[in-house]
Amino acid sequence: MNLVKANIGSTVQPHPLIRQICDPVLHTIRIKDGAPSRNLSIIYRSDHYLSRAAKAFIEQIQEYFQS
């Protein structure tokens, strides 16, 4: 939000969060047709150690997107 306030960036946030912030400096534009989507990629070096937590995270992400 600091980058948005400084006119350096923009963000997509849920409407209830924007209402809660209630900052008169911020301007909102409602997205009407279709929700934004995104792709998720996990990039890591295969020649470096991968912790158990990182492996578990990757497995959970894979399971989530396979269902």
PDB file of N, CA and C in Angstrom:
ATOM      1  N   MET A   1       0.817  -1.191   0.000  1.00  0.00           N
ATOM      2  CA  MET A   1       0.000   0.000   0.000  1.00  0.00           C
ATOM      3  C   MET A   1       0.862   1.258   0.000  1.00  0.00           C
ATOM      4  N   ASN A   2       2.043   1.161   0.604  1.00  0.00           N
ATOM      5  CA  ASN A   2       2.908   2.347   0.614  1.00  0.00           C
ATOM      6  C   ASN A   2       3.329   2.734  -0.797  1.00  0.00           C
ATOM      7  N   LEU A   3       3.602   1.731  -1.654  1.00  0.00           N
ATOM      8  CA  LEU A   3       3.965   2.035  -3.036  1.00  0.00           C
ATOM      9  C   LEU A   3       2.790   2.656  -3.785  1.00  0.00           C
ATOM     10  N   VAL A   4       1.600   2.185  -3.502  1.00  0.00           N
ATOM     11  CA  VAL A   4       0.407   2.756  -4.141  1.00  0.00           C
ATOM     12  C   VAL A   4       0.239   4.208  -3.708  1.00  0.00           C
ATOM     13  N   LYS A   5       0.372   4.457  -2.430  1.00  0.00           N
ATOM     14  CA  LYS A   5       0.230   5.828  -1.916  1.00  0.00           C
ATOM     15  C   LYS A   5       1.286   6.766  -2.493  1.00  0.00           C
ATOM     16  N   ALA A   6       2.453   6.214  -2.834  1.00  0.00           N
ATOM     17  CA  ALA A   6       3.536   7.027  -3.390  1.00  0.00           C
ATOM     18  C   ALA A   6       3.455   7.139  -4.912  1.00  0.00           C
ATOM     19  N   ASN A   7       2.353   6.651  -5.506  1.00  0.00           N
ATOM     20  CA  ASN A   7       2.167   6.662  -6.965  1.00  0.00           C
ATOM     21  C   ASN A   7       3.245   5.885  -7.710  1.00  0.00           C
ATOM     22  N   ILE A   8       3.750   4.824  -7.080  1.00  0.00           N
ATOM     23  CA  ILE A   8       4.767   3.988  -7.704  1.00  0.00           C
ATOM     24  C   ILE A   8       4.172   2.664  -8.161  1.00  0.00           C
ATOM     25  N   GLY A   9       3.098   2.213  -7.532  1.00  0.00           N
ATOM     26  CA  GLY A   9       2.547   0.903  -7.847  1.00  0.00           C
ATOM     27  C   GLY A   9       1.048   0.878  -7.787  1.00  0.00           C
ATOM     28  N   SER A  10       0.534  -0.297  -8.038  1.00  0.00           N
ATOM     29  CA  SER A  10      -0.901  -0.541  -7.930  1.00  0.00           C
ATOM     30  C   SER A  10      -1.084  -1.905  -7.287  1.00  0.00           C
ATOM     31  N   THR A  11      -2.306  -2.206  -6.884  1.00  0.00           N
ATOM     32  CA  THR A  11      -2.572  -3.485  -6.239  1.00  0.00           C
ATOM     33  C   THR A  11      -4.009  -3.904  -6.508  1.00  0.00           C
ATOM     34  N   VAL A  12      -4.242  -5.192  -6.444  1.00  0.00           N
ATOM     35  CA  VAL A  12      -5.590  -5.743  -6.520  1.00  0.00           C
ATOM     36  C   VAL A  12      -5.887  -6.339  -5.143  1.00  0.00           C
ATOM     37  N   GLN A  13      -6.901  -5.810  -4.502  1.00  0.00           N
ATOM     38  CA  GLN A  13      -7.257  -6.231  -3.149  1.00  0.00           C
ATOM     39  C   GLN A  13      -8.761  -6.495  -3.078  1.00  0.00           C
ATOM     40  N   PRO A  14      -9.184  -7.361  -2.154  1.00  0.00           N
ATOM     41  CA  PRO A  14     -10.625  -7.573  -1.979  1.00  0.00           C
ATOM     42  C   PRO A  14     -11.307  -6.300  -1.471  1.00  0.00           C
ATOM     43  N   HIS A  15     -12.532  -6.103  -1.922  1.00  0.00           N
ATOM     44  CA  HIS A  15     -13.276  -4.887  -1.572  1.00  0.00           C
ATOM     45  C   HIS A  15     -13.418  -4.684  -0.058  1.00  0.00           C
ATOM     46  N   PRO A  16     -13.704  -5.734   0.743  1.00  0.00           N
ATOM     47  CA  PRO A  16     -13.821  -5.512   2.195  1.00  0.00           C
ATOM     48  C   PRO A  16     -12.535  -4.953   2.817  1.00  0.00           C
ATOM     49  N   LEU A  17     -11.391  -5.353   2.288  1.00  0.00           N
ATOM     50  CA  LEU A  17     -10.132  -4.827   2.815  1.00  0.00           C
ATOM     51  C   LEU A  17      -9.985  -3.348   2.480  1.00  0.00           C
ATOM     52  N   ILE A  18     -10.330  -2.978   1.278  1.00  0.00           N
ATOM     53  CA  ILE A  18     -10.237  -1.572   0.874  1.00  0.00           C
ATOM     54  C   ILE A  18     -11.170  -0.709   1.725  1.00  0.00           C
ATOM     55  N   ARG A  19     -12.389  -1.212   1.971  1.00  0.00           N
ATOM     56  CA  ARG A  19     -13.320  -0.466   2.839  1.00  0.00           C
ATOM     57  C   ARG A  19     -12.741  -0.288   4.233  1.00  0.00           C
ATOM     58  N   GLN A  20     -12.064  -1.320   4.734  1.00  0.00           N
ATOM     59  CA  GLN A  20     -11.493  -1.264   6.079  1.00  0.00           C
ATOM     60  C   GLN A  20     -10.361  -0.242   6.152  1.00  0.00           C
ATOM     61  N   ILE A  21      -9.562  -0.149   5.100  1.00  0.00           N
ATOM     62  CA  ILE A  21      -8.450   0.809   5.090  1.00  0.00           C
ATOM     63  C   ILE A  21      -8.978   2.233   5.102  1.00  0.00           C
ATOM     64  N   CYS A  22      -9.976   2.519   4.283  1.00  0.00           N
ATOM     65  CA  CYS A  22     -10.666   3.810   4.275  1.00  0.00           C
ATOM     66  C   CYS A  22      -9.694   4.987   4.246  1.00  0.00           C
ATOM     67  N   ASP A  23      -8.845   5.001   3.229  1.00  0.00           N
ATOM     68  CA  ASP A  23      -7.863   6.080   3.077  1.00  0.00           C
ATOM     69  C   ASP A  23      -8.303   6.978   1.938  1.00  0.00           C
ATOM     70  N   PRO A  24      -8.563   8.264   2.194  1.00  0.00           N
ATOM     71  CA  PRO A  24      -9.051   9.160   1.138  1.00  0.00           C
ATOM     72  C   PRO A  24      -8.028   9.405   0.020  1.00  0.00           C
ATOM     73  N   VAL A  25      -6.770   9.085   0.251  1.00  0.00           N
ATOM     74  CA  VAL A  25      -5.735   9.270  -0.765  1.00  0.00           C
ATOM     75  C   VAL A  25      -5.836   8.190  -1.842  1.00  0.00           C
ATOM     76  N   LEU A  26      -6.324   7.013  -1.469  1.00  0.00           N
ATOM     77  CA  LEU A  26      -6.407   5.894  -2.404  1.00  0.00           C
ATOM     78  C   LEU A  26      -7.665   5.991  -3.261  1.00  0.00           C
ATOM     79  N   HIS A  27      -7.529   5.661  -4.532  1.00  0.00           N
ATOM     80  CA  HIS A  27      -8.663   5.621  -5.452  1.00  0.00           C
ATOM     81  C   HIS A  27      -8.881   4.173  -5.868  1.00  0.00           C
ATOM     82  N   THR A  28     -10.131   3.762  -5.907  1.00  0.00           N
ATOM     83  CA  THR A  28     -10.430   2.379  -6.270  1.00  0.00           C
ATOM     84  C   THR A  28     -11.124   2.322  -7.623  1.00  0.00           C
ATOM     85  N   ILE A  29     -10.858   1.238  -8.319  1.00  0.00           N
ATOM     86  CA  ILE A  29     -11.530   0.929  -9.579  1.00  0.00           C
ATOM     87  C   ILE A  29     -12.067  -0.488  -9.430  1.00  0.00           C
ATOM     88  N   ARG A  30     -13.367  -0.622  -9.466  1.00  0.00           N
ATOM     89  CA  ARG A  30     -13.989  -1.926  -9.282  1.00  0.00           C
ATOM     90  C   ARG A  30     -13.828  -2.761 -10.555  1.00  0.00           C
ATOM     91  N   ILE A  31     -13.443  -4.023 -10.395  1.00  0.00           N
ATOM     92  CA  ILE A  31     -13.327  -4.956 -11.518  1.00  0.00           C
ATOM     93  C   ILE A  31     -14.672  -5.649 -11.663  1.00  0.00           C
ATOM     94  N   LYS A  32     -15.339  -5.436 -12.805  1.00  0.00           N
ATOM     95  CA  LYS A  32     -16.695  -5.949 -12.977  1.00  0.00           C
ATOM     96  C   LYS A  32     -16.757  -7.273 -13.734  1.00  0.00           C
ATOM     97  N   ASP A  33     -16.016  -7.393 -14.818  1.00  0.00           N
ATOM     98  CA  ASP A  33     -16.142  -8.570 -15.684  1.00  0.00           C
ATOM     99  C   ASP A  33     -15.019  -9.562 -15.440  1.00  0.00           C
ATOM    100  N   GLY A  34     -15.322 -10.619 -14.720  1.00  0.00           N
ATOM    101  CA  GLY A  34     -14.355 -11.686 -14.500  1.00  0.00           C
ATOM    102  C   GLY A  34     -13.312 -11.342 -13.464  1.00  0.00           C
ATOM    103  N   ALA A  35     -12.993 -12.321 -12.684  1.00  0.00           N
ATOM    104  CA  ALA A  35     -11.976 -12.135 -11.649  1.00  0.00           C
ATOM    105  C   ALA A  35     -10.586 -12.291 -12.250  1.00  0.00           C
ATOM    106  N   PRO A  36      -9.618 -11.557 -11.735  1.00  0.00           N
ATOM    107  CA  PRO A  36      -8.243 -11.732 -12.212  1.00  0.00           C
ATOM    108  C   PRO A  36      -7.749 -13.141 -11.873  1.00  0.00           C
ATOM    109  N   SER A  37      -6.873 -13.657 -12.688  1.00  0.00           N
ATOM    110  CA  SER A  37      -6.284 -14.976 -12.410  1.00  0.00           C
ATOM    111  C   SER A  37      -4.770 -14.854 -12.482  1.00  0.00           C
ATOM    112  N   ARG A  38      -4.105 -15.869 -11.977  1.00  0.00           N
ATOM    113  CA  ARG A  38      -2.648 -15.866 -12.010  1.00  0.00           C
ATOM    114  C   ARG A  38      -2.131 -17.292 -12.093  1.00  0.00           C
ATOM    115  N   ASN A  39      -0.895 -17.423 -12.510  1.00  0.00           N
ATOM    116  CA  ASN A  39      -0.220 -18.712 -12.563  1.00  0.00           C
ATOM    117  C   ASN A  39       0.775 -18.785 -11.418  1.00  0.00           C
ATOM    118  N   LEU A  40       0.965 -19.987 -10.911  1.00  0.00           N
ATOM    119  CA  LEU A  40       1.902 -20.191  -9.815  1.00  0.00           C
ATOM    120  C   LEU A  40       3.047 -21.049 -10.309  1.00  0.00           C
ATOM    121  N   SER A  41       4.246 -20.596 -10.067  1.00  0.00           N
ATOM    122  CA  SER A  41       5.444 -21.363 -10.407  1.00  0.00           C
ATOM    123  C   SER A  41       6.354 -21.407  -9.198  1.00  0.00           C
ATOM    124  N   ILE A  42       6.965 -22.544  -8.990  1.00  0.00           N
ATOM    125  CA  ILE A  42       7.956 -22.691  -7.929  1.00  0.00           C
ATOM    126  C   ILE A  42       9.278 -22.986  -8.610  1.00  0.00           C
ATOM    127  N   ILE A  43      10.250 -22.158  -8.344  1.00  0.00           N
ATOM    128  CA  ILE A  43      11.560 -22.301  -8.959  1.00  0.00           C
ATOM    129  C   ILE A  43      12.584 -22.515  -7.848  1.00  0.00           C
ATOM    130  N   TYR A  44      13.363 -23.555  -7.983  1.00  0.00           N
ATOM    131  CA  TYR A  44      14.415 -23.809  -7.004  1.00  0.00           C
ATOM    132  C   TYR A  44      15.594 -24.472  -7.705  1.00  0.00           C
ATOM    133  N   ARG A  45      16.732 -24.411  -7.078  1.00  0.00           N
ATOM    134  CA  ARG A  45      17.939 -25.002  -7.648  1.00  0.00           C
ATOM    135  C   ARG A  45      17.992 -26.467  -7.270  1.00  0.00           C
ATOM    136  N   SER A  46      17.992 -27.322  -8.253  1.00  0.00           N
ATOM    137  CA  SER A  46      17.995 -28.765  -7.999  1.00  0.00           C
ATOM    138  C   SER A  46      19.347 -29.253  -7.490  1.00  0.00           C
ATOM    139  N   ASP A  47      20.390 -28.465  -7.640  1.00  0.00           N
ATOM    140  CA  ASP A  47      21.706 -28.873  -7.168  1.00  0.00           C
ATOM    141  C   ASP A  47      22.005 -28.364  -5.751  1.00  0.00           C
ATOM    142  N   HIS A  48      21.003 -27.769  -5.093  1.00  0.00           N
ATOM    143  CA  HIS A  48      21.161 -27.287  -3.718  1.00  0.00           C
ATOM    144  C   HIS A  48      20.206 -28.047  -2.799  1.00  0.00           C
ATOM    145  N   TYR A  49      20.537 -28.052  -1.522  1.00  0.00           N
ATOM    146  CA  TYR A  49      19.721 -28.721  -0.514  1.00  0.00           C
ATOM    147  C   TYR A  49      18.327 -28.105  -0.457  1.00  0.00           C
ATOM    148  N   LEU A  50      17.305 -28.961  -0.377  1.00  0.00           N
ATOM    149  CA  LEU A  50      15.925 -28.515  -0.238  1.00  0.00           C
ATOM    150  C   LEU A  50      15.409 -29.030   1.103  1.00  0.00           C
ATOM    151  N   SER A  51      15.041 -28.145   1.986  1.00  0.00           N
ATOM    152  CA  SER A  51      14.630 -28.535   3.344  1.00  0.00           C
ATOM    153  C   SER A  51      13.348 -29.357   3.307  1.00  0.00           C
ATOM    154  N   ARG A  52      13.090 -30.059   4.407  1.00  0.00           N
ATOM    155  CA  ARG A  52      11.852 -30.844   4.512  1.00  0.00           C
ATOM    156  C   ARG A  52      10.637 -29.940   4.426  1.00  0.00           C
ATOM    157  N   ALA A  53      10.725 -28.755   5.022  1.00  0.00           N
ATOM    158  CA  ALA A  53       9.600 -27.813   4.969  1.00  0.00           C
ATOM    159  C   ALA A  53       9.331 -27.378   3.530  1.00  0.00           C
ATOM    160  N   ALA A  54      10.384 -27.109   2.773  1.00  0.00           N
ATOM    161  CA  ALA A  54      10.216 -26.705   1.372  1.00  0.00           C
ATOM    162  C   ALA A  54       9.621 -27.841   0.552  1.00  0.00           C
ATOM    163  N   LYS A  55      10.091 -29.065   0.789  1.00  0.00           N
ATOM    164  CA  LYS A  55       9.545 -30.230   0.079  1.00  0.00           C
ATOM    165  C   LYS A  55       8.063 -30.421   0.409  1.00  0.00           C
ATOM    166  N   ALA A  56       7.715 -30.269   1.688  1.00  0.00           N
ATOM    167  CA  ALA A  56       6.317 -30.420   2.106  1.00  0.00           C
ATOM    168  C   ALA A  56       5.455 -29.338   1.467  1.00  0.00           C
ATOM    169  N   PHE A  57       5.952 -28.118   1.397  1.00  0.00           N
ATOM    170  CA  PHE A  57       5.221 -27.027   0.770  1.00  0.00           C
ATOM    171  C   PHE A  57       4.966 -27.335  -0.703  1.00  0.00           C
ATOM    172  N   ILE A  58       5.982 -27.791  -1.409  1.00  0.00           N
ATOM    173  CA  ILE A  58       5.838 -28.127  -2.829  1.00  0.00           C
ATOM    174  C   ILE A  58       4.821 -29.245  -3.011  1.00  0.00           C
ATOM    175  N   GLU A  59       4.869 -30.250  -2.154  1.00  0.00           N
ATOM    176  CA  GLU A  59       3.906 -31.354  -2.238  1.00  0.00           C
ATOM    177  C   GLU A  59       2.481 -30.858  -2.018  1.00  0.00           C
ATOM    178  N   GLN A  60       2.278 -29.981  -1.046  1.00  0.00           N
ATOM    179  CA  GLN A  60       0.937 -29.459  -0.778  1.00  0.00           C
ATOM    180  C   GLN A  60       0.420 -28.638  -1.947  1.00  0.00           C
ATOM    181  N   ILE A  61       1.273 -27.837  -2.534  1.00  0.00           N
ATOM    182  CA  ILE A  61       0.876 -27.038  -3.698  1.00  0.00           C
ATOM    183  C   ILE A  61       0.491 -27.949  -4.855  1.00  0.00           C
ATOM    184  N   GLN A  62       1.293 -28.994  -5.079  1.00  0.00           N
ATOM    185  CA  GLN A  62       0.987 -29.928  -6.166  1.00  0.00           C
ATOM    186  C   GLN A  62      -0.341 -30.645  -5.936  1.00  0.00           C
ATOM    187  N   GLU A  63      -0.581 -31.079  -4.694  1.00  0.00           N
ATOM    188  CA  GLU A  63      -1.848 -31.750  -4.370  1.00  0.00           C
ATOM    189  C   GLU A  63      -3.030 -30.815  -4.568  1.00  0.00           C
ATOM    190  N   TYR A  64      -2.871 -29.579  -4.144  1.00  0.00           N
ATOM    191  CA  TYR A  64      -3.960 -28.604  -4.266  1.00  0.00           C
ATOM    192  C   TYR A  64      -4.347 -28.381  -5.717  1.00  0.00           C
ATOM    193  N   PHE A  65      -3.360 -28.243  -6.579  1.00  0.00           N
ATOM    194  CA  PHE A  65      -3.659 -27.932  -7.972  1.00  0.00           C
ATOM    195  C   PHE A  65      -4.013 -29.156  -8.801  1.00  0.00           C
ATOM    196  N   GLN A  66      -3.777 -30.360  -8.292  1.00  0.00           N
ATOM    197  CA  GLN A  66      -4.171 -31.565  -9.002  1.00  0.00           C
ATOM    198  C   GLN A  66      -5.620 -31.910  -8.753  1.00  0.00           C
ATOM    199  N   SER A  67      -6.200 -31.403  -7.681  1.00  0.00           N
ATOM    200  CA  SER A  67      -7.613 -31.726  -7.402  1.00  0.00           C
ATOM    201  C   SER A  67      -8.566 -30.774  -8.043  1.00  0.00           C
TER     202      SER A  67
END
